[in-house]
């Protein structure tokens, strides 16, 4: 059925970049489409990882703080997707 084509599925092999907000210029703290591209191309991330078969990127050894996540998949090379901002108090932080 046509609806099966659009089912949400994990996206494996997407590159996810983690940027520590406190280390970014202020203009990138709430980026728009243009500044997201600049950020991706010009600023070195705190960490980078590929998503696994479950569509998750895992980072270890990262200090609990406010971060901006950006992701891009090779199939969509021209599009940089803003993931989300994770703050220091986020309940999804896990040790390990």
N, C-alpha and C. Protein backbone atom coordinates (compact mmCIF):
# COMPACT_ATOMS: atom_id res chain seq x y z
N UNK A 1 0.83 -1.17 0.00
CA UNK A 1 0.00 0.00 0.00
C UNK A 1 0.88 1.24 0.00
N UNK A 2 0.35 2.33 -0.48
CA UNK A 2 1.11 3.58 -0.58
C UNK A 2 1.53 4.07 0.80
N UNK A 3 0.71 3.85 1.82
CA UNK A 3 1.06 4.33 3.15
C UNK A 3 2.29 3.60 3.71
N UNK A 4 2.57 2.38 3.25
CA UNK A 4 3.74 1.64 3.70
C UNK A 4 5.03 2.32 3.28
N UNK A 5 5.01 3.03 2.16
CA UNK A 5 6.20 3.70 1.64
C UNK A 5 6.67 4.78 2.60
N UNK A 6 5.74 5.41 3.30
CA UNK A 6 6.07 6.54 4.16
C UNK A 6 6.17 6.20 5.64
N UNK A 7 6.25 4.94 5.98
CA UNK A 7 6.41 4.57 7.38
C UNK A 7 7.75 5.08 7.89
N UNK A 8 7.76 5.55 9.12
CA UNK A 8 9.00 6.01 9.73
C UNK A 8 9.89 4.81 9.99
N UNK A 9 11.11 4.90 9.52
CA UNK A 9 12.08 3.84 9.70
C UNK A 9 13.38 4.45 10.20
N UNK A 10 14.16 3.70 10.96
CA UNK A 10 15.46 4.21 11.40
C UNK A 10 16.34 4.54 10.18
N UNK A 11 17.10 5.60 10.30
CA UNK A 11 17.98 6.01 9.22
C UNK A 11 19.42 5.68 9.61
N UNK A 12 19.93 4.61 9.02
CA UNK A 12 21.28 4.14 9.33
C UNK A 12 22.30 4.93 8.50
N UNK A 13 23.48 5.11 9.05
CA UNK A 13 24.62 5.77 8.39
C UNK A 13 24.45 7.27 8.19
N UNK A 14 23.59 7.90 8.97
CA UNK A 14 23.52 9.37 8.95
C UNK A 14 24.67 9.88 9.81
N UNK A 15 25.33 10.93 9.35
CA UNK A 15 26.39 11.54 10.15
C UNK A 15 25.74 12.53 11.11
N UNK A 16 26.04 12.37 12.39
CA UNK A 16 25.50 13.25 13.43
C UNK A 16 26.66 13.99 14.07
N UNK A 17 26.53 15.31 14.13
CA UNK A 17 27.56 16.14 14.73
C UNK A 17 27.01 16.80 15.99
N UNK A 18 27.83 16.83 17.00
CA UNK A 18 27.46 17.36 18.30
C UNK A 18 28.29 18.62 18.55
N UNK A 19 27.60 19.74 18.77
CA UNK A 19 28.25 21.03 19.00
C UNK A 19 27.91 21.53 20.40
N UNK A 20 28.91 21.82 21.20
CA UNK A 20 28.69 22.36 22.55
C UNK A 20 28.32 23.83 22.40
N UNK A 21 27.12 24.19 22.82
CA UNK A 21 26.59 25.53 22.62
C UNK A 21 27.50 26.60 23.22
N UNK A 22 28.06 26.35 24.39
CA UNK A 22 28.91 27.35 25.04
C UNK A 22 30.18 27.64 24.26
N UNK A 23 30.55 26.77 23.32
CA UNK A 23 31.76 26.98 22.53
C UNK A 23 31.46 27.52 21.14
N UNK A 24 30.21 27.77 20.86
CA UNK A 24 29.82 28.33 19.55
C UNK A 24 29.70 29.84 19.63
N UNK A 25 29.98 30.52 18.52
CA UNK A 25 29.67 31.96 18.48
C UNK A 25 28.18 32.15 18.74
N UNK A 26 27.81 33.23 19.38
CA UNK A 26 26.41 33.49 19.77
C UNK A 26 25.44 33.38 18.58
N UNK A 27 25.89 33.75 17.40
CA UNK A 27 25.01 33.72 16.22
C UNK A 27 24.54 32.31 15.88
N UNK A 28 25.20 31.29 16.42
CA UNK A 28 24.81 29.90 16.14
C UNK A 28 23.99 29.27 17.26
N UNK A 29 23.69 29.98 18.31
CA UNK A 29 22.96 29.40 19.44
C UNK A 29 21.54 28.99 19.06
N UNK A 30 20.90 29.72 18.17
CA UNK A 30 19.58 29.38 17.63
C UNK A 30 19.64 29.53 16.12
N UNK A 31 20.29 28.59 15.45
CA UNK A 31 20.58 28.76 14.03
C UNK A 31 19.35 28.68 13.12
N UNK A 32 19.42 29.42 12.02
CA UNK A 32 18.42 29.31 10.96
C UNK A 32 19.01 28.44 9.84
N UNK A 33 18.30 28.27 8.76
CA UNK A 33 18.74 27.38 7.68
C UNK A 33 20.12 27.75 7.15
N UNK A 34 20.36 29.02 6.93
CA UNK A 34 21.66 29.46 6.40
C UNK A 34 22.79 29.21 7.39
N UNK A 35 22.56 29.59 8.64
CA UNK A 35 23.64 29.41 9.63
C UNK A 35 23.88 27.94 9.95
N UNK A 36 22.88 27.08 9.76
CA UNK A 36 23.09 25.63 9.93
C UNK A 36 24.10 25.13 8.91
N UNK A 37 23.94 25.57 7.66
CA UNK A 37 24.90 25.17 6.62
C UNK A 37 26.30 25.69 6.94
N UNK A 38 26.38 26.94 7.38
CA UNK A 38 27.68 27.51 7.76
C UNK A 38 28.29 26.73 8.91
N UNK A 39 27.50 26.44 9.90
CA UNK A 39 27.97 25.68 11.06
C UNK A 39 28.51 24.33 10.62
N UNK A 40 27.76 23.62 9.79
CA UNK A 40 28.16 22.30 9.31
C UNK A 40 29.49 22.37 8.56
N UNK A 41 29.65 23.39 7.72
CA UNK A 41 30.82 23.48 6.85
C UNK A 41 32.03 24.17 7.48
N UNK A 42 31.83 24.99 8.51
CA UNK A 42 32.93 25.82 8.99
C UNK A 42 33.35 25.58 10.43
N UNK A 43 32.51 25.01 11.24
CA UNK A 43 32.83 24.85 12.66
C UNK A 43 33.07 23.37 12.98
N UNK A 44 34.17 23.10 13.63
CA UNK A 44 34.50 21.72 14.01
C UNK A 44 33.59 21.28 15.16
N UNK A 45 32.95 20.12 15.03
CA UNK A 45 32.05 19.66 16.11
C UNK A 45 32.84 19.14 17.31
N UNK A 46 32.17 19.10 18.44
CA UNK A 46 32.72 18.51 19.66
C UNK A 46 32.95 17.02 19.45
N UNK A 47 32.00 16.39 18.74
CA UNK A 47 32.07 14.96 18.44
C UNK A 47 31.23 14.67 17.21
N UNK A 48 31.50 13.53 16.60
CA UNK A 48 30.75 13.12 15.40
C UNK A 48 30.60 11.60 15.43
N UNK A 49 29.47 11.11 14.96
CA UNK A 49 29.22 9.66 14.93
C UNK A 49 28.23 9.35 13.82
N UNK A 50 28.20 8.10 13.40
CA UNK A 50 27.20 7.63 12.44
C UNK A 50 26.08 6.94 13.18
N UNK A 51 24.88 7.05 12.65
CA UNK A 51 23.75 6.35 13.27
C UNK A 51 23.88 4.85 13.00
N UNK A 52 23.40 4.07 13.94
CA UNK A 52 23.43 2.62 13.81
C UNK A 52 22.15 2.11 13.15
N UNK A 53 21.96 0.81 13.10
CA UNK A 53 20.79 0.21 12.46
C UNK A 53 19.49 0.64 13.13
N UNK A 54 19.56 1.09 14.37
CA UNK A 54 18.36 1.56 15.08
C UNK A 54 18.16 3.06 14.88
N UNK A 55 19.04 3.70 14.07
CA UNK A 55 18.91 5.12 13.80
C UNK A 55 19.42 6.01 14.91
N UNK A 56 20.28 5.46 15.76
CA UNK A 56 20.79 6.21 16.90
C UNK A 56 22.29 6.43 16.79
N UNK A 57 22.72 7.61 17.14
CA UNK A 57 24.14 7.92 17.26
C UNK A 57 24.46 7.95 18.74
N UNK A 58 25.55 7.33 19.12
CA UNK A 58 25.93 7.27 20.53
C UNK A 58 27.27 7.98 20.70
N UNK A 59 27.33 8.85 21.70
CA UNK A 59 28.55 9.58 22.02
C UNK A 59 28.97 9.20 23.44
N UNK A 60 30.26 9.00 23.63
CA UNK A 60 30.74 8.71 24.99
C UNK A 60 31.82 9.72 25.35
N UNK A 61 32.03 9.89 26.65
CA UNK A 61 33.04 10.81 27.12
C UNK A 61 32.68 12.28 26.89
N UNK A 62 31.40 12.58 26.81
CA UNK A 62 30.93 13.94 26.56
C UNK A 62 30.42 14.52 27.88
N UNK A 63 30.90 15.70 28.21
CA UNK A 63 30.43 16.37 29.44
C UNK A 63 28.97 16.74 29.30
N UNK A 64 28.22 16.59 30.36
CA UNK A 64 26.81 16.95 30.35
C UNK A 64 26.69 18.46 30.30
N UNK A 65 26.11 18.98 29.21
CA UNK A 65 26.03 20.42 28.96
C UNK A 65 24.95 20.64 27.89
N UNK A 66 24.83 21.86 27.41
CA UNK A 66 23.89 22.17 26.32
C UNK A 66 24.58 21.93 24.98
N UNK A 67 23.93 21.16 24.10
CA UNK A 67 24.50 20.82 22.80
C UNK A 67 23.49 21.05 21.69
N UNK A 68 24.00 21.27 20.51
CA UNK A 68 23.20 21.34 19.30
C UNK A 68 23.59 20.14 18.45
N UNK A 69 22.61 19.38 18.00
CA UNK A 69 22.84 18.22 17.15
C UNK A 69 22.44 18.54 15.72
N UNK A 70 23.32 18.24 14.78
CA UNK A 70 23.00 18.35 13.37
C UNK A 70 23.26 17.00 12.73
N UNK A 71 22.44 16.65 11.74
CA UNK A 71 22.61 15.36 11.08
C UNK A 71 22.43 15.50 9.58
N UNK A 72 23.15 14.66 8.85
CA UNK A 72 23.03 14.63 7.39
C UNK A 72 23.24 13.19 6.95
N UNK A 73 22.48 12.77 5.96
CA UNK A 73 22.59 11.42 5.42
C UNK A 73 23.10 11.50 3.98
N UNK A 74 23.96 10.56 3.57
CA UNK A 74 24.50 10.59 2.20
C UNK A 74 23.43 10.62 1.11
N UNK A 75 22.29 10.03 1.37
CA UNK A 75 21.22 10.02 0.37
C UNK A 75 20.62 11.41 0.17
N UNK A 76 20.83 12.29 1.14
CA UNK A 76 20.30 13.65 1.09
C UNK A 76 21.45 14.64 1.25
N UNK A 77 22.48 14.49 0.47
CA UNK A 77 23.74 15.21 0.65
C UNK A 77 23.59 16.73 0.70
N UNK A 78 22.62 17.28 0.01
CA UNK A 78 22.48 18.74 -0.01
C UNK A 78 21.69 19.27 1.18
N UNK A 79 21.04 18.42 1.89
CA UNK A 79 20.20 18.86 3.01
C UNK A 79 20.89 18.58 4.34
N UNK A 80 21.02 19.58 5.14
CA UNK A 80 21.47 19.41 6.51
C UNK A 80 20.23 19.53 7.38
N UNK A 81 20.03 18.56 8.22
CA UNK A 81 18.81 18.51 9.02
C UNK A 81 19.14 18.90 10.45
N UNK A 82 18.44 19.84 10.98
CA UNK A 82 18.61 20.21 12.38
C UNK A 82 17.94 19.15 13.23
N UNK A 83 18.72 18.46 14.02
CA UNK A 83 18.15 17.46 14.90
C UNK A 83 17.42 18.13 16.04
N UNK A 84 18.15 18.47 17.07
CA UNK A 84 17.53 19.17 18.19
C UNK A 84 18.60 19.67 19.13
N UNK A 85 18.16 20.46 20.05
CA UNK A 85 19.07 20.96 21.08
C UNK A 85 18.84 20.13 22.33
N UNK A 86 19.93 19.65 22.91
CA UNK A 86 19.87 18.86 24.13
C UNK A 86 20.48 19.71 25.23
N UNK A 87 19.74 19.93 26.31
CA UNK A 87 20.30 20.77 27.37
C UNK A 87 20.81 19.93 28.53
N UNK A 88 21.56 20.58 29.38
CA UNK A 88 22.25 19.91 30.48
C UNK A 88 21.31 19.13 31.39
N UNK A 89 20.09 19.59 31.55
CA UNK A 89 19.14 18.94 32.46
C UNK A 89 18.29 17.86 31.78
N UNK A 90 18.54 17.59 30.50
CA UNK A 90 17.74 16.61 29.75
C UNK A 90 17.81 15.23 30.41
N UNK A 91 16.67 14.61 30.58
CA UNK A 91 16.61 13.30 31.25
C UNK A 91 17.18 12.17 30.40
N UNK A 92 17.49 12.41 29.12
CA UNK A 92 18.04 11.36 28.26
C UNK A 92 19.53 11.14 28.42
N UNK A 93 20.21 11.98 29.21
CA UNK A 93 21.64 11.77 29.46
C UNK A 93 21.80 10.44 30.19
N UNK A 94 22.78 9.66 29.75
CA UNK A 94 23.07 8.39 30.39
C UNK A 94 24.57 8.29 30.63
N UNK A 95 24.95 7.66 31.71
CA UNK A 95 26.37 7.43 31.96
C UNK A 95 26.87 6.31 31.07
N UNK A 96 28.14 6.42 30.69
CA UNK A 96 28.73 5.32 29.95
C UNK A 96 29.22 5.68 28.60
